[in-house]
Each structure stands twice: as structure tokens, then as C-alpha cells.
PDB file of N, CA and C in Angstrom:
ATOM      1  N   MET A   1      32.705  46.639  11.517  1.00  0.00           N
ATOM      2  CA  MET A   1      31.496  46.365  10.760  1.00  0.00           C
ATOM      3  C   MET A   1      30.576  47.581  10.837  1.00  0.00           C
ATOM      4  N   THR A   2      29.985  47.916   9.748  1.00  0.00           N
ATOM      5  CA  THR A   2      29.111  49.076   9.750  1.00  0.00           C
ATOM      6  C   THR A   2      27.655  48.732   9.506  1.00  0.00           C
ATOM      7  N   GLY A   3      27.372  47.541   8.997  1.00  0.00           N
ATOM      8  CA  GLY A   3      25.994  47.184   8.701  1.00  0.00           C
ATOM      9  C   GLY A   3      25.216  46.774   9.925  1.00  0.00           C
ATOM     10  N   SER A   4      23.887  46.825   9.786  1.00  0.00           N
ATOM     11  CA  SER A   4      23.029  46.435  10.901  1.00  0.00           C
ATOM     12  C   SER A   4      23.166  44.943  11.194  1.00  0.00           C
ATOM     13  N   VAL A   5      22.910  44.615  12.430  1.00  0.00           N
ATOM     14  CA  VAL A   5      22.911  43.229  12.894  1.00  0.00           C
ATOM     15  C   VAL A   5      21.571  43.017  13.573  1.00  0.00           C
ATOM     16  N   HIS A   6      20.923  41.926  13.255  1.00  0.00           N
ATOM     17  CA  HIS A   6      19.656  41.642  13.910  1.00  0.00           C
ATOM     18  C   HIS A   6      19.502  40.149  14.099  1.00  0.00           C
ATOM     19  N   TRP A   7      18.600  39.805  14.995  1.00  0.00           N
ATOM     20  CA  TRP A   7      18.354  38.387  15.227  1.00  0.00           C
ATOM     21  C   TRP A   7      16.940  38.156  15.711  1.00  0.00           C
ATOM     22  N   LEU A   8      16.558  36.901  15.570  1.00  0.00           N
ATOM     23  CA  LEU A   8      15.301  36.413  16.106  1.00  0.00           C
ATOM     24  C   LEU A   8      15.658  35.294  17.070  1.00  0.00           C
ATOM     25  N   ALA A   9      15.288  35.482  18.320  1.00  0.00           N
ATOM     26  CA  ALA A   9      15.533  34.466  19.344  1.00  0.00           C
ATOM     27  C   ALA A   9      14.208  33.813  19.705  1.00  0.00           C
ATOM     28  N   GLU A  10      14.204  32.499  19.730  1.00  0.00           N
ATOM     29  CA  GLU A  10      13.021  31.758  20.172  1.00  0.00           C
ATOM     30  C   GLU A  10      13.305  31.222  21.562  1.00  0.00           C
ATOM     31  N   LEU A  11      12.379  31.474  22.462  1.00  0.00           N
ATOM     32  CA  LEU A  11      12.525  31.085  23.860  1.00  0.00           C
ATOM     33  C   LEU A  11      11.353  30.210  24.277  1.00  0.00           C
ATOM     34  N   THR A  12      11.643  29.197  25.060  1.00  0.00           N
ATOM     35  CA  THR A  12      10.593  28.407  25.684  1.00  0.00           C
ATOM     36  C   THR A  12      10.475  28.871  27.133  1.00  0.00           C
ATOM     37  N   ILE A  13       9.294  29.266  27.520  1.00  0.00           N
ATOM     38  CA  ILE A  13       9.072  29.722  28.890  1.00  0.00           C
ATOM     39  C   ILE A  13       8.927  28.484  29.776  1.00  0.00           C
ATOM     40  N   LYS A  14       9.742  28.426  30.805  1.00  0.00           N
ATOM     41  CA  LYS A  14       9.750  27.267  31.688  1.00  0.00           C
ATOM     42  C   LYS A  14       8.440  27.173  32.473  1.00  0.00           C
ATOM     43  N   ASP A  15       8.048  25.937  32.784  1.00  0.00           N
ATOM     44  CA  ASP A  15       6.807  25.703  33.534  1.00  0.00           C
ATOM     45  C   ASP A  15       6.815  26.510  34.826  1.00  0.00           C
ATOM     46  N   GLY A  16       5.707  27.196  35.074  1.00  0.00           N
ATOM     47  CA  GLY A  16       5.536  27.969  36.295  1.00  0.00           C
ATOM     48  C   GLY A  16       6.314  29.278  36.331  1.00  0.00           C
ATOM     49  N   GLN A  17       6.920  29.665  35.222  1.00  0.00           N
ATOM     50  CA  GLN A  17       7.772  30.853  35.205  1.00  0.00           C
ATOM     51  C   GLN A  17       7.192  32.028  34.419  1.00  0.00           C
ATOM     52  N   PHE A  18       5.944  31.947  33.979  1.00  0.00           N
ATOM     53  CA  PHE A  18       5.409  33.008  33.129  1.00  0.00           C
ATOM     54  C   PHE A  18       5.418  34.370  33.827  1.00  0.00           C
ATOM     55  N   ASP A  19       5.008  34.430  35.078  1.00  0.00           N
ATOM     56  CA  ASP A  19       4.994  35.718  35.782  1.00  0.00           C
ATOM     57  C   ASP A  19       6.413  36.267  35.952  1.00  0.00           C
ATOM     58  N   ASN A  20       7.357  35.402  36.279  1.00  0.00           N
ATOM     59  CA  ASN A  20       8.752  35.834  36.396  1.00  0.00           C
ATOM     60  C   ASN A  20       9.284  36.283  35.038  1.00  0.00           C
ATOM     61  N   PHE A  21       8.927  35.548  33.993  1.00  0.00           N
ATOM     62  CA  PHE A  21       9.317  35.924  32.637  1.00  0.00           C
ATOM     63  C   PHE A  21       8.804  37.325  32.299  1.00  0.00           C
ATOM     64  N   LYS A  22       7.521  37.576  32.568  1.00  0.00           N
ATOM     65  CA  LYS A  22       6.955  38.897  32.265  1.00  0.00           C
ATOM     66  C   LYS A  22       7.667  39.999  33.045  1.00  0.00           C
ATOM     67  N   ALA A  23       8.011  39.735  34.286  1.00  0.00           N
ATOM     68  CA  ALA A  23       8.678  40.744  35.109  1.00  0.00           C
ATOM     69  C   ALA A  23      10.072  41.066  34.580  1.00  0.00           C
ATOM     70  N   VAL A  24      10.847  40.048  34.236  1.00  0.00           N
ATOM     71  CA  VAL A  24      12.198  40.319  33.726  1.00  0.00           C
ATOM     72  C   VAL A  24      12.129  40.958  32.340  1.00  0.00           C
ATOM     73  N   MET A  25      11.162  40.542  31.520  1.00  0.00           N
ATOM     74  CA  MET A  25      10.997  41.157  30.209  1.00  0.00           C
ATOM     75  C   MET A  25      10.714  42.647  30.361  1.00  0.00           C
ATOM     76  N   LYS A  26       9.818  43.001  31.266  1.00  0.00           N
ATOM     77  CA  LYS A  26       9.472  44.402  31.495  1.00  0.00           C
ATOM     78  C   LYS A  26      10.715  45.200  31.886  1.00  0.00           C
ATOM     79  N   ASP A  27      11.508  44.657  32.800  1.00  0.00           N
ATOM     80  CA  ASP A  27      12.726  45.339  33.238  1.00  0.00           C
ATOM     81  C   ASP A  27      13.731  45.476  32.096  1.00  0.00           C
ATOM     82  N   MET A  28      13.861  44.436  31.284  1.00  0.00           N
ATOM     83  CA  MET A  28      14.805  44.482  30.163  1.00  0.00           C
ATOM     84  C   MET A  28      14.366  45.506  29.128  1.00  0.00           C
ATOM     85  N   VAL A  29      13.093  45.517  28.788  1.00  0.00           N
ATOM     86  CA  VAL A  29      12.587  46.478  27.805  1.00  0.00           C
ATOM     87  C   VAL A  29      12.822  47.906  28.297  1.00  0.00           C
ATOM     88  N   GLU A  30      12.549  48.144  29.552  1.00  0.00           N
ATOM     89  CA  GLU A  30      12.763  49.476  30.119  1.00  0.00           C
ATOM     90  C   GLU A  30      14.235  49.886  30.021  1.00  0.00           C
ATOM     91  N   ALA A  31      15.130  48.990  30.348  1.00  0.00           N
ATOM     92  CA  ALA A  31      16.559  49.301  30.316  1.00  0.00           C
ATOM     93  C   ALA A  31      17.060  49.543  28.896  1.00  0.00           C
ATOM     94  N   VAL A  32      16.565  48.787  27.935  1.00  0.00           N
ATOM     95  CA  VAL A  32      17.047  48.882  26.559  1.00  0.00           C
ATOM     96  C   VAL A  32      16.569  50.168  25.881  1.00  0.00           C
ATOM     97  N   GLN A  33      15.513  50.771  26.374  1.00  0.00           N
ATOM     98  CA  GLN A  33      14.990  51.996  25.751  1.00  0.00           C
ATOM     99  C   GLN A  33      16.022  53.109  25.675  1.00  0.00           C
ATOM    100  N   THR A  34      17.041  53.089  26.527  1.00  0.00           N
ATOM    101  CA  THR A  34      18.059  54.142  26.514  1.00  0.00           C
ATOM    102  C   THR A  34      19.208  53.846  25.549  1.00  0.00           C
ATOM    103  N   GLU A  35      19.220  52.676  24.943  1.00  0.00           N
ATOM    104  CA  GLU A  35      20.286  52.306  24.019  1.00  0.00           C
ATOM    105  C   GLU A  35      19.986  52.876  22.631  1.00  0.00           C
ATOM    106  N   THR A  36      20.711  53.901  22.244  1.00  0.00           N
ATOM    107  CA  THR A  36      20.409  54.578  20.977  1.00  0.00           C
ATOM    108  C   THR A  36      20.687  53.713  19.749  1.00  0.00           C
ATOM    109  N   GLY A  37      21.593  52.756  19.841  1.00  0.00           N
ATOM    110  CA  GLY A  37      21.894  51.903  18.699  1.00  0.00           C
ATOM    111  C   GLY A  37      20.955  50.730  18.538  1.00  0.00           C
ATOM    112  N   THR A  38      20.042  50.551  19.485  1.00  0.00           N
ATOM    113  CA  THR A  38      19.033  49.502  19.384  1.00  0.00           C
ATOM    114  C   THR A  38      17.836  50.087  18.652  1.00  0.00           C
ATOM    115  N   THR A  39      17.571  49.582  17.448  1.00  0.00           N
ATOM    116  CA  THR A  39      16.493  50.150  16.633  1.00  0.00           C
ATOM    117  C   THR A  39      15.185  49.383  16.759  1.00  0.00           C
ATOM    118  N   HIS A  40      15.264  48.095  17.081  1.00  0.00           N
ATOM    119  CA  HIS A  40      14.074  47.261  17.283  1.00  0.00           C
ATOM    120  C   HIS A  40      14.322  46.350  18.471  1.00  0.00           C
ATOM    121  N   TYR A  41      13.337  46.234  19.330  1.00  0.00           N
ATOM    122  CA  TYR A  41      13.427  45.341  20.483  1.00  0.00           C
ATOM    123  C   TYR A  41      11.999  44.919  20.798  1.00  0.00           C
ATOM    124  N   GLU A  42      11.541  43.871  20.120  1.00  0.00           N
ATOM    125  CA  GLU A  42      10.136  43.485  20.155  1.00  0.00           C
ATOM    126  C   GLU A  42       9.986  42.039  20.632  1.00  0.00           C
ATOM    127  N   TRP A  43       9.041  41.836  21.527  1.00  0.00           N
ATOM    128  CA  TRP A  43       8.775  40.538  22.122  1.00  0.00           C
ATOM    129  C   TRP A  43       7.381  40.070  21.690  1.00  0.00           C
ATOM    130  N   PHE A  44       7.265  38.806  21.305  1.00  0.00           N
ATOM    131  CA  PHE A  44       6.006  38.233  20.836  1.00  0.00           C
ATOM    132  C   PHE A  44       5.766  36.919  21.570  1.00  0.00           C
ATOM    133  N   ILE A  45       4.508  36.666  21.942  1.00  0.00           N
ATOM    134  CA  ILE A  45       4.174  35.483  22.736  1.00  0.00           C
ATOM    135  C   ILE A  45       3.142  34.629  22.000  1.00  0.00           C
ATOM    136  N   SER A  46       3.280  33.310  22.109  1.00  0.00           N
ATOM    137  CA  SER A  46       2.309  32.403  21.503  1.00  0.00           C
ATOM    138  C   SER A  46       1.014  32.399  22.318  1.00  0.00           C
ATOM    139  N   ASP A  47      -0.046  31.923  21.694  1.00  0.00           N
ATOM    140  CA  ASP A  47      -1.340  31.875  22.374  1.00  0.00           C
ATOM    141  C   ASP A  47      -1.300  31.057  23.660  1.00  0.00           C
ATOM    142  N   ASP A  48      -0.494  30.004  23.686  1.00  0.00           N
ATOM    143  CA  ASP A  48      -0.427  29.164  24.891  1.00  0.00           C
ATOM    144  C   ASP A  48       0.566  29.696  25.935  1.00  0.00           C
ATOM    145  N   ARG A  49       1.206  30.824  25.645  1.00  0.00           N
ATOM    146  CA  ARG A  49       2.151  31.515  26.539  1.00  0.00           C
ATOM    147  C   ARG A  49       3.341  30.636  26.938  1.00  0.00           C
ATOM    148  N   LYS A  50       3.733  29.754  26.003  1.00  0.00           N
ATOM    149  CA  LYS A  50       4.880  28.882  26.258  1.00  0.00           C
ATOM    150  C   LYS A  50       6.085  29.216  25.376  1.00  0.00           C
ATOM    151  N   THR A  51       5.860  29.937  24.301  1.00  0.00           N
ATOM    152  CA  THR A  51       6.929  30.277  23.373  1.00  0.00           C
ATOM    153  C   THR A  51       6.956  31.776  23.152  1.00  0.00           C
ATOM    154  N   CYS A  52       8.145  32.327  23.181  1.00  0.00           N
ATOM    155  CA  CYS A  52       8.327  33.758  22.949  1.00  0.00           C
ATOM    156  C   CYS A  52       9.368  33.941  21.849  1.00  0.00           C
ATOM    157  N   HIS A  53       9.106  34.872  20.953  1.00  0.00           N
ATOM    158  CA  HIS A  53      10.096  35.295  19.968  1.00  0.00           C
ATOM    159  C   HIS A  53      10.505  36.716  20.324  1.00  0.00           C
ATOM    160  N   VAL A  54      11.807  36.968  20.272  1.00  0.00           N
ATOM    161  CA  VAL A  54      12.334  38.304  20.514  1.00  0.00           C
ATOM    162  C   VAL A  54      13.082  38.724  19.258  1.00  0.00           C
ATOM    163  N   TYR A  55      12.619  39.835  18.664  1.00  0.00           N
ATOM    164  CA  TYR A  55      13.286  40.379  17.485  1.00  0.00           C
ATOM    165  C   TYR A  55      14.092  41.593  17.922  1.00  0.00           C
ATOM    166  N   GLU A  56      15.396  41.529  17.682  1.00  0.00           N
ATOM    167  CA  GLU A  56      16.285  42.617  18.064  1.00  0.00           C
ATOM    168  C   GLU A  56      17.059  43.063  16.835  1.00  0.00           C
ATOM    169  N   ARG A  57      17.154  44.382  16.649  1.00  0.00           N
ATOM    170  CA  ARG A  57      17.927  44.928  15.525  1.00  0.00           C
ATOM    171  C   ARG A  57      18.782  46.072  16.054  1.00  0.00           C
ATOM    172  N   TYR A  58      20.027  46.060  15.621  1.00  0.00           N
ATOM    173  CA  TYR A  58      21.019  47.029  16.076  1.00  0.00           C
ATOM    174  C   TYR A  58      21.631  47.729  14.870  1.00  0.00           C
ATOM    175  N   ALA A  59      21.997  48.992  15.062  1.00  0.00           N
ATOM    176  CA  ALA A  59      22.571  49.793  13.979  1.00  0.00           C
ATOM    177  C   ALA A  59      23.858  49.172  13.453  1.00  0.00           C
ATOM    178  N   ASP A  60      24.628  48.551  14.330  1.00  0.00           N
ATOM    179  CA  ASP A  60      25.907  47.960  13.936  1.00  0.00           C
ATOM    180  C   ASP A  60      26.406  47.062  15.073  1.00  0.00           C
ATOM    181  N   SER A  61      27.561  46.460  14.856  1.00  0.00           N
ATOM    182  CA  SER A  61      28.118  45.564  15.875  1.00  0.00           C
ATOM    183  C   SER A  61      28.454  46.292  17.167  1.00  0.00           C
ATOM    184  N   ALA A  62      28.870  47.546  17.076  1.00  0.00           N
ATOM    185  CA  ALA A  62      29.166  48.310  18.295  1.00  0.00           C
ATOM    186  C   ALA A  62      27.921  48.440  19.166  1.00  0.00           C
ATOM    187  N   ALA A  63      26.771  48.632  18.544  1.00  0.00           N
ATOM    188  CA  ALA A  63      25.515  48.733  19.296  1.00  0.00           C
ATOM    189  C   ALA A  63      25.161  47.400  19.955  1.00  0.00           C
ATOM    190  N   VAL A  64      25.461  46.292  19.291  1.00  0.00           N
ATOM    191  CA  VAL A  64      25.235  44.971  19.895  1.00  0.00           C
ATOM    192  C   VAL A  64      26.096  44.827  21.144  1.00  0.00           C
ATOM    193  N   LEU A  65      27.344  45.254  21.058  1.00  0.00           N
ATOM    194  CA  LEU A  65      28.247  45.133  22.201  1.00  0.00           C
ATOM    195  C   LEU A  65      27.777  45.995  23.369  1.00  0.00           C
ATOM    196  N   THR A  66      27.254  47.179  23.079  1.00  0.00           N
ATOM    197  CA  THR A  66      26.686  48.022  24.133  1.00  0.00           C
ATOM    198  C   THR A  66      25.530  47.309  24.810  1.00  0.00           C
ATOM    199  N   HIS A  67      24.647  46.732  23.998  1.00  0.00           N
ATOM    200  CA  HIS A  67      23.501  46.001  24.531  1.00  0.00           C
ATOM    201  C   HIS A  67      23.961  44.788  25.352  1.00  0.00           C
ATOM    202  N   SER A  68      24.900  44.060  24.833  1.00  0.00           N
ATOM    203  CA  SER A  68      25.370  42.849  25.507  1.00  0.00           C
ATOM    204  C   SER A  68      25.968  43.146  26.875  1.00  0.00           C
ATOM    205  N   ALA A  69      26.611  44.286  27.004  1.00  0.00           N
ATOM    206  CA  ALA A  69      27.209  44.662  28.283  1.00  0.00           C
ATOM    207  C   ALA A  69      26.153  44.800  29.377  1.00  0.00           C
ATOM    208  N   SER A  70      24.958  45.230  29.006  1.00  0.00           N
ATOM    209  CA  SER A  70      23.901  45.400  30.006  1.00  0.00           C
ATOM    210  C   SER A  70      23.114  44.116  30.262  1.00  0.00           C
ATOM    211  N   PHE A  71      23.244  43.117  29.391  1.00  0.00           N
ATOM    212  CA  PHE A  71      22.488  41.870  29.554  1.00  0.00           C
ATOM    213  C   PHE A  71      22.856  41.151  30.844  1.00  0.00           C
ATOM    214  N   GLY A  72      24.112  41.265  31.265  1.00  0.00           N
ATOM    215  CA  GLY A  72      24.562  40.581  32.479  1.00  0.00           C
ATOM    216  C   GLY A  72      23.730  40.908  33.705  1.00  0.00           C
ATOM    217  N   GLU A  73      23.193  42.123  33.731  1.00  0.00           N
ATOM    218  CA  GLU A  73      22.350  42.545  34.851  1.00  0.00           C
ATOM    219  C   GLU A  73      21.089  41.681  34.963  1.00  0.00           C
ATOM    220  N   PHE A  74      20.645  41.133  33.832  1.00  0.00           N
ATOM    221  CA  PHE A  74      19.385  40.387  33.773  1.00  0.00           C
ATOM    222  C   PHE A  74      19.559  38.900  33.496  1.00  0.00           C
ATOM    223  N   ALA A  75      20.754  38.475  33.142  1.00  0.00           N
ATOM    224  CA  ALA A  75      20.983  37.125  32.627  1.00  0.00           C
ATOM    225  C   ALA A  75      20.453  36.024  33.548  1.00  0.00           C
ATOM    226  N   GLU A  76      20.746  36.103  34.834  1.00  0.00           N
ATOM    227  CA  GLU A  76      20.325  35.035  35.744  1.00  0.00           C
ATOM    228  C   GLU A  76      18.804  34.933  35.817  1.00  0.00           C
ATOM    229  N   ARG A  77      18.134  36.064  36.004  1.00  0.00           N
ATOM    230  CA  ARG A  77      16.663  36.058  36.074  1.00  0.00           C
ATOM    231  C   ARG A  77      16.067  35.574  34.755  1.00  0.00           C
ATOM    232  N   PHE A  78      16.636  36.046  33.657  1.00  0.00           N
ATOM    233  CA  PHE A  78      16.155  35.691  32.316  1.00  0.00           C
ATOM    234  C   PHE A  78      16.266  34.181  32.097  1.00  0.00           C
ATOM    235  N   LEU A  79      17.446  33.629  32.370  1.00  0.00           N
ATOM    236  CA  LEU A  79      17.665  32.207  32.118  1.00  0.00           C
ATOM    237  C   LEU A  79      16.980  31.311  33.141  1.00  0.00           C
ATOM    238  N   ASP A  80      16.583  31.850  34.290  1.00  0.00           N
ATOM    239  CA  ASP A  80      15.759  31.101  35.235  1.00  0.00           C
ATOM    240  C   ASP A  80      14.342  30.928  34.697  1.00  0.00           C
ATOM    241  N   ALA A  81      13.904  31.859  33.865  1.00  0.00           N
ATOM    242  CA  ALA A  81      12.519  31.859  33.373  1.00  0.00           C
ATOM    243  C   ALA A  81      12.354  31.231  31.995  1.00  0.00           C
ATOM    244  N   VAL A  82      13.409  31.229  31.195  1.00  0.00           N
ATOM    245  CA  VAL A  82      13.289  30.733  29.818  1.00  0.00           C
ATOM    246  C   VAL A  82      14.443  29.821  29.447  1.00  0.00           C
ATOM    247  N   GLU A  83      14.203  29.055  28.406  1.00  0.00           N
ATOM    248  CA  GLU A  83      15.236  28.232  27.778  1.00  0.00           C
ATOM    249  C   GLU A  83      15.344  28.714  26.328  1.00  0.00           C
ATOM    250  N   PRO A  84      16.473  29.313  25.946  1.00  0.00           N
ATOM    251  CA  PRO A  84      16.635  29.695  24.540  1.00  0.00           C
ATOM    252  C   PRO A  84      16.669  28.427  23.683  1.00  0.00           C
ATOM    253  N   THR A  85      15.809  28.375  22.661  1.00  0.00           N
ATOM    254  CA  THR A  85      15.743  27.177  21.834  1.00  0.00           C
ATOM    255  C   THR A  85      16.312  27.382  20.450  1.00  0.00           C
ATOM    256  N   ARG A  86      16.344  28.642  19.979  1.00  0.00           N
ATOM    257  CA  ARG A  86      16.909  28.910  18.653  1.00  0.00           C
ATOM    258  C   ARG A  86      17.217  30.391  18.538  1.00  0.00           C
ATOM    259  N   VAL A  87      18.361  30.690  17.954  1.00  0.00           N
ATOM    260  CA  VAL A  87      18.737  32.067  17.663  1.00  0.00           C
ATOM    261  C   VAL A  87      19.244  32.099  16.229  1.00  0.00           C
ATOM    262  N   VAL A  88      18.648  32.968  15.419  1.00  0.00           N
ATOM    263  CA  VAL A  88      19.085  33.160  14.044  1.00  0.00           C
ATOM    264  C   VAL A  88      19.550  34.606  13.919  1.00  0.00           C
ATOM    265  N   VAL A  89      20.820  34.773  13.510  1.00  0.00           N
ATOM    266  CA  VAL A  89      21.434  36.093  13.409  1.00  0.00           C
ATOM    267  C   VAL A  89      21.538  36.471  11.937  1.00  0.00           C
ATOM    268  N   TYR A  90      21.124  37.706  11.631  1.00  0.00           N
ATOM    269  CA  TYR A  90      21.143  38.214  10.265  1.00  0.00           C
ATOM    270  C   TYR A  90      22.139  39.368  10.166  1.00  0.00           C
ATOM    271  N   GLY A  91      22.784  39.477   9.016  1.00  0.00           N
ATOM    272  CA  GLY A  91      23.743  40.555   8.807  1.00  0.00           C
ATOM    273  C   GLY A  91      25.163  40.034   8.879  1.00  0.00           C
ATOM    274  N   ASP A  92      26.073  40.940   9.202  1.00  0.00           N
ATOM    275  CA  ASP A  92      27.493  40.600   9.232  1.00  0.00           C
ATOM    276  C   ASP A  92      28.095  41.068  10.549  1.00  0.00           C
ATOM    277  N   PRO A  93      27.802  40.356  11.652  1.00  0.00           N
ATOM    278  CA  PRO A  93      28.319  40.771  12.949  1.00  0.00           C
ATOM    279  C   PRO A  93      29.833  40.598  13.026  1.00  0.00           C
ATOM    280  N   SER A  94      30.453  41.431  13.839  1.00  0.00           N
ATOM    281  CA  SER A  94      31.899  41.344  14.042  1.00  0.00           C
ATOM    282  C   SER A  94      32.260  40.035  14.749  1.00  0.00           C
ATOM    283  N   ALA A  95      33.537  39.707  14.716  1.00  0.00           N
ATOM    284  CA  ALA A  95      34.025  38.512  15.407  1.00  0.00           C
ATOM    285  C   ALA A  95      33.736  38.606  16.904  1.00  0.00           C
ATOM    286  N   GLU A  96      33.835  39.809  17.471  1.00  0.00           N
ATOM    287  CA  GLU A  96      33.563  39.993  18.900  1.00  0.00           C
ATOM    288  C   GLU A  96      32.096  39.711  19.228  1.00  0.00           C
ATOM    289  N   VAL A  97      31.189  40.133  18.360  1.00  0.00           N
ATOM    290  CA  VAL A  97      29.764  39.851  18.553  1.00  0.00           C
ATOM    291  C   VAL A  97      29.521  38.348  18.427  1.00  0.00           C
ATOM    292  N   ARG A  98      30.091  37.737  17.409  1.00  0.00           N
ATOM    293  CA  ARG A  98      29.929  36.286  17.233  1.00  0.00           C
ATOM    294  C   ARG A  98      30.421  35.529  18.471  1.00  0.00           C
ATOM    295  N   ASP A  99      31.551  35.971  19.007  1.00  0.00           N
ATOM    296  CA  ASP A  99      32.089  35.331  20.197  1.00  0.00           C
ATOM    297  C   ASP A  99      31.120  35.471  21.375  1.00  0.00           C
ATOM    298  N   GLY A 100      30.516  36.658  21.511  1.00  0.00           N
ATOM    299  CA  GLY A 100      29.573  36.900  22.598  1.00  0.00           C
ATOM    300  C   GLY A 100      28.285  36.102  22.488  1.00  0.00           C
ATOM    301  N   LEU A 101      27.921  35.726  21.278  1.00  0.00           N
ATOM    302  CA  LEU A 101      26.679  34.983  21.050  1.00  0.00           C
ATOM    303  C   LEU A 101      26.868  33.469  21.047  1.00  0.00           C
ATOM    304  N   LYS A 102      28.102  32.996  21.088  1.00  0.00           N
ATOM    305  CA  LYS A 102      28.348  31.561  20.886  1.00  0.00           C
ATOM    306  C   LYS A 102      27.641  30.669  21.898  1.00  0.00           C
ATOM    307  N   ALA A 103      27.378  31.163  23.107  1.00  0.00           N
ATOM    308  CA  ALA A 103      26.685  30.345  24.108  1.00  0.00           C
ATOM    309  C   ALA A 103      25.274  29.969  23.649  1.00  0.00           C
ATOM    310  N   PHE A 104      24.705  30.765  22.737  1.00  0.00           N
ATOM    311  CA  PHE A 104      23.357  30.497  22.236  1.00  0.00           C
ATOM    312  C   PHE A 104      23.359  29.629  20.981  1.00  0.00           C
ATOM    313  N   ASP A 105      24.543  29.213  20.522  1.00  0.00           N
ATOM    314  CA  ASP A 105      24.694  28.354  19.341  1.00  0.00           C
ATOM    315  C   ASP A 105      23.853  28.864  18.164  1.00  0.00           C
ATOM    316  N   PRO A 106      24.064  30.129  17.769  1.00  0.00           N
ATOM    317  CA  PRO A 106      23.211  30.707  16.739  1.00  0.00           C
ATOM    318  C   PRO A 106      23.506  30.182  15.334  1.00  0.00           C
ATOM    319  N   THR A 107      22.524  30.336  14.472  1.00  0.00           N
ATOM    320  CA  THR A 107      22.673  30.132  13.047  1.00  0.00           C
ATOM    321  C   THR A 107      22.889  31.509  12.439  1.00  0.00           C
ATOM    322  N   TYR A 108      23.871  31.650  11.559  1.00  0.00           N
ATOM    323  CA  TYR A 108      24.159  32.938  10.920  1.00  0.00           C
ATOM    324  C   TYR A 108      23.658  32.924   9.488  1.00  0.00           C
ATOM    325  N   MET A 109      22.981  34.004   9.131  1.00  0.00           N
ATOM    326  CA  MET A 109      22.432  34.157   7.790  1.00  0.00           C
ATOM    327  C   MET A 109      22.969  35.455   7.194  1.00  0.00           C
ATOM    328  N   ALA A 110      23.748  35.348   6.098  1.00  0.00           N
ATOM    329  CA  ALA A 110      24.275  36.532   5.415  1.00  0.00           C
ATOM    330  C   ALA A 110      23.279  36.968   4.349  1.00  0.00           C
ATOM    331  N   GLN A 111      23.087  38.264   4.223  1.00  0.00           N
ATOM    332  CA  GLN A 111      22.147  38.773   3.228  1.00  0.00           C
ATOM    333  C   GLN A 111      22.712  38.598   1.830  1.00  0.00           C
ATOM    334  N   ILE A 112      21.868  38.128   0.921  1.00  0.00           N
ATOM    335  CA  ILE A 112      22.296  37.978  -0.456  1.00  0.00           C
ATOM    336  C   ILE A 112      21.449  38.790  -1.428  1.00  0.00           C
ATOM    337  N   GLY A 113      20.460  39.493  -0.926  1.00  0.00           N
ATOM    338  CA  GLY A 113      19.628  40.310  -1.782  1.00  0.00           C
ATOM    339  C   GLY A 113      18.576  41.043  -0.987  1.00  0.00           C
ATOM    340  N   GLY A 114      17.860  41.942  -1.653  1.00  0.00           N
ATOM    341  CA  GLY A 114      16.775  42.669  -1.026  1.00  0.00           C
ATOM    342  C   GLY A 114      17.226  43.990  -0.432  1.00  0.00           C
ATOM    343  N   PHE A 115      16.329  44.622   0.309  1.00  0.00           N
ATOM    344  CA  PHE A 115      16.625  45.931   0.902  1.00  0.00           C
ATOM    345  C   PHE A 115      15.745  46.164   2.106  1.00  0.00           C
ATOM    346  N   ALA A 116      16.130  47.147   2.917  1.00  0.00           N
ATOM    347  CA  ALA A 116      15.319  47.601   4.028  1.00  0.00           C
ATOM    348  C   ALA A 116      15.114  49.097   3.873  1.00  0.00           C
ATOM    349  N   ARG A 117      13.968  49.587   4.252  1.00  0.00           N
ATOM    350  CA  ARG A 117      13.714  51.036   4.175  1.00  0.00           C
ATOM    351  C   ARG A 117      13.741  51.633   5.552  1.00  0.00           C
TER     352      ARG A 117
END
């Protein structure tokens, strides 16, 4: 696959876990900065600090696989602090990427029009 792959993940921050969530997020953002195929990695928080959206965009499926390989370092801390509630994947990810995301039960959306600059 050569096209970009991106997703929006919605997370519910578990009760009493906001400080732990912020700490693991900081570590994850720092680690991802070295991934050249990661073009967007943005975290957004609701006013009540209970819901977080993470927007991630990758140059291609190979870049997703590179990113996924490093997620294991943070997975336990991340999942101790949040409950993934929804993941929507955009683009045309490879079968290997789809397999790697299946634990999050994502919804896949194929592009049918428009453009990105």
C-alpha cells in the first residue's frame, strides 16, 4: 500500500488516572517524534478531562507498522490509564495493519472523494 493511513481514536480516561495518562502520553509523544513516517500525532482533551481524541496520520502502511512496533513499550501503562472507546481508520491500510488494529475493533472508512494538500 502506498497511500496514507490515518485514524481518530477516542479514549475514555479511567477514574483517578489523569496524571498517569498525561505521563504516558508525554512519553509516547516524545518517542514518536523520531518516526519519520508519522506525519501527524495530535492529542486533544475534553473540558472535563475524561475523553481524549488522538489523531494519527502515517505516510503509508509501512510507517504504521514501524509505529506499532514501538507501541508495545507503552501498551500496559497506556491501557491502565485509558479505555479505547472508538477507533475510525481512514485510507487503505494493508492486511498486516488491519490485523494489528483488530484488538481495537476499528471502523474502516475508504476515501471516495476530496483531496489533501
